[in-house]
């Protein structure tokens, strides 16, 4: 089973169960699945292709989680970039 399939299956089985708490908000499996589906669509509309890599530089946020699952659902990979890393 692929990682993003775990989210999809969890959203089907327990859509209202809390999956993540961040920024004072509870995110359910259904919320995360829906948000990652929307992000997947946005990636594909912008030309993201099978095997592409998505750099994620957002820290420990819900956007990071959505980005990870969105990239995987689109058939790509993700690369976490430390937002505190200095630019050269």
C-alpha atoms as a PDB file:
ATOM      1  CA  UNK A   1       0.000   0.000   0.000  1.00  0.00           C
ATOM      2  CA  UNK A   2       1.285   3.452  -0.903  1.00  0.00           C
ATOM      3  CA  UNK A   3       1.488   6.190   1.731  1.00  0.00           C
ATOM      4  CA  UNK A   4      -1.199   8.382   0.199  1.00  0.00           C
ATOM      5  CA  UNK A   5      -3.532   5.388   0.009  1.00  0.00           C
ATOM      6  CA  UNK A   6      -3.420   5.204   3.810  1.00  0.00           C
ATOM      7  CA  UNK A   7      -4.864   8.734   3.966  1.00  0.00           C
ATOM      8  CA  UNK A   8      -7.528   7.922   1.371  1.00  0.00           C
ATOM      9  CA  UNK A   9      -8.524   4.725   3.195  1.00  0.00           C
ATOM     10  CA  UNK A  10      -8.576   6.504   6.561  1.00  0.00           C
ATOM     11  CA  UNK A  11     -10.737   9.278   5.108  1.00  0.00           C
ATOM     12  CA  UNK A  12     -13.197   6.691   3.777  1.00  0.00           C
ATOM     13  CA  UNK A  13     -13.334   4.705   7.011  1.00  0.00           C
ATOM     14  CA  UNK A  14     -13.202   7.601   9.498  1.00  0.00           C
ATOM     15  CA  UNK A  15     -13.787  10.919   7.708  1.00  0.00           C
ATOM     16  CA  UNK A  16     -14.650  12.803  10.905  1.00  0.00           C
ATOM     17  CA  UNK A  17     -11.853  11.420  13.067  1.00  0.00           C
ATOM     18  CA  UNK A  18      -9.152  13.912  14.054  1.00  0.00           C
ATOM     19  CA  UNK A  19      -5.936  13.273  12.168  1.00  0.00           C
ATOM     20  CA  UNK A  20      -3.946  16.420  12.949  1.00  0.00           C
ATOM     21  CA  UNK A  21      -4.133  19.318  15.389  1.00  0.00           C
ATOM     22  CA  UNK A  22      -2.267  22.460  14.393  1.00  0.00           C
ATOM     23  CA  UNK A  23      -2.734  26.183  14.695  1.00  0.00           C
ATOM     24  CA  UNK A  24      -5.625  25.697  17.083  1.00  0.00           C
ATOM     25  CA  UNK A  25      -7.594  23.701  14.541  1.00  0.00           C
ATOM     26  CA  UNK A  26      -8.445  20.019  14.380  1.00  0.00           C
ATOM     27  CA  UNK A  27      -8.035  18.533  10.897  1.00  0.00           C
ATOM     28  CA  UNK A  28      -9.986  15.372  10.205  1.00  0.00           C
ATOM     29  CA  UNK A  29      -8.914  12.657   7.805  1.00  0.00           C
ATOM     30  CA  UNK A  30     -11.664  13.899   5.504  1.00  0.00           C
ATOM     31  CA  UNK A  31     -10.341  17.475   5.689  1.00  0.00           C
ATOM     32  CA  UNK A  32      -6.777  16.402   4.896  1.00  0.00           C
ATOM     33  CA  UNK A  33      -7.874  14.156   2.057  1.00  0.00           C
ATOM     34  CA  UNK A  34     -10.007  16.905   0.522  1.00  0.00           C
ATOM     35  CA  UNK A  35      -7.268  19.530   0.881  1.00  0.00           C
ATOM     36  CA  UNK A  36      -4.635  17.221  -0.616  1.00  0.00           C
ATOM     37  CA  UNK A  37      -6.972  16.368  -3.519  1.00  0.00           C
ATOM     38  CA  UNK A  38      -7.374  20.081  -4.236  1.00  0.00           C
ATOM     39  CA  UNK A  39      -3.610  20.597  -4.070  1.00  0.00           C
ATOM     40  CA  UNK A  40      -3.048  17.613  -6.354  1.00  0.00           C
ATOM     41  CA  UNK A  41      -5.371  19.196  -8.901  1.00  0.00           C
ATOM     42  CA  UNK A  42      -3.508  22.489  -8.657  1.00  0.00           C
ATOM     43  CA  UNK A  43      -0.163  20.748  -9.178  1.00  0.00           C
ATOM     44  CA  UNK A  44      -1.441  18.889 -12.235  1.00  0.00           C
ATOM     45  CA  UNK A  45      -2.925  22.077 -13.718  1.00  0.00           C
ATOM     46  CA  UNK A  46       0.470  23.717 -13.369  1.00  0.00           C
ATOM     47  CA  UNK A  47       2.253  20.959 -15.270  1.00  0.00           C
ATOM     48  CA  UNK A  48       3.382  18.622 -12.485  1.00  0.00           C
ATOM     49  CA  UNK A  49       4.102  15.208 -14.033  1.00  0.00           C
ATOM     50  CA  UNK A  50       4.626  11.642 -12.910  1.00  0.00           C
ATOM     51  CA  UNK A  51       8.039  11.419 -11.235  1.00  0.00           C
ATOM     52  CA  UNK A  52       8.411  15.161 -10.644  1.00  0.00           C
ATOM     53  CA  UNK A  53       9.704  16.393  -7.308  1.00  0.00           C
ATOM     54  CA  UNK A  54       8.068  19.044  -5.162  1.00  0.00           C
ATOM     55  CA  UNK A  55      10.205  21.080  -2.788  1.00  0.00           C
ATOM     56  CA  UNK A  56       8.342  21.893   0.425  1.00  0.00           C
ATOM     57  CA  UNK A  57       9.728  24.659   2.613  1.00  0.00           C
ATOM     58  CA  UNK A  58       6.950  25.382   5.093  1.00  0.00           C
ATOM     59  CA  UNK A  59       8.055  23.947   8.429  1.00  0.00           C
ATOM     60  CA  UNK A  60       5.734  21.934  10.660  1.00  0.00           C
ATOM     61  CA  UNK A  61       2.389  23.083   9.269  1.00  0.00           C
ATOM     62  CA  UNK A  62      -0.748  21.604   7.797  1.00  0.00           C
ATOM     63  CA  UNK A  63       0.454  22.941   4.438  1.00  0.00           C
ATOM     64  CA  UNK A  64       3.438  20.608   4.693  1.00  0.00           C
ATOM     65  CA  UNK A  65       1.165  17.615   5.234  1.00  0.00           C
ATOM     66  CA  UNK A  66      -1.136  18.660   2.380  1.00  0.00           C
ATOM     67  CA  UNK A  67       1.884  19.222   0.117  1.00  0.00           C
ATOM     68  CA  UNK A  68       3.337  15.800   0.894  1.00  0.00           C
ATOM     69  CA  UNK A  69       0.097  13.966   0.169  1.00  0.00           C
ATOM     70  CA  UNK A  70      -0.649  16.166  -2.851  1.00  0.00           C
ATOM     71  CA  UNK A  71       2.713  15.395  -4.444  1.00  0.00           C
ATOM     72  CA  UNK A  72       2.302  11.675  -3.809  1.00  0.00           C
ATOM     73  CA  UNK A  73      -1.250  11.611  -5.180  1.00  0.00           C
ATOM     74  CA  UNK A  74       0.024  13.334  -8.330  1.00  0.00           C
ATOM     75  CA  UNK A  75       2.571  10.548  -8.808  1.00  0.00           C
ATOM     76  CA  UNK A  76       5.561  12.564  -7.731  1.00  0.00           C
ATOM     77  CA  UNK A  77       7.910  12.833  -4.810  1.00  0.00           C
ATOM     78  CA  UNK A  78       8.503  15.479  -2.199  1.00  0.00           C
ATOM     79  CA  UNK A  79      11.651  17.023  -0.790  1.00  0.00           C
ATOM     80  CA  UNK A  80      11.453  18.717   2.610  1.00  0.00           C
ATOM     81  CA  UNK A  81      13.608  21.819   2.779  1.00  0.00           C
ATOM     82  CA  UNK A  82      14.463  23.325   6.147  1.00  0.00           C
ATOM     83  CA  UNK A  83      12.960  26.845   6.164  1.00  0.00           C
ATOM     84  CA  UNK A  84      15.757  27.985   8.488  1.00  0.00           C
ATOM     85  CA  UNK A  85      18.423  27.021   5.942  1.00  0.00           C
ATOM     86  CA  UNK A  86      20.513  29.996   4.814  1.00  0.00           C
ATOM     87  CA  UNK A  87      20.556  31.044   1.194  1.00  0.00           C
ATOM     88  CA  UNK A  88      23.911  31.421  -0.573  1.00  0.00           C
END
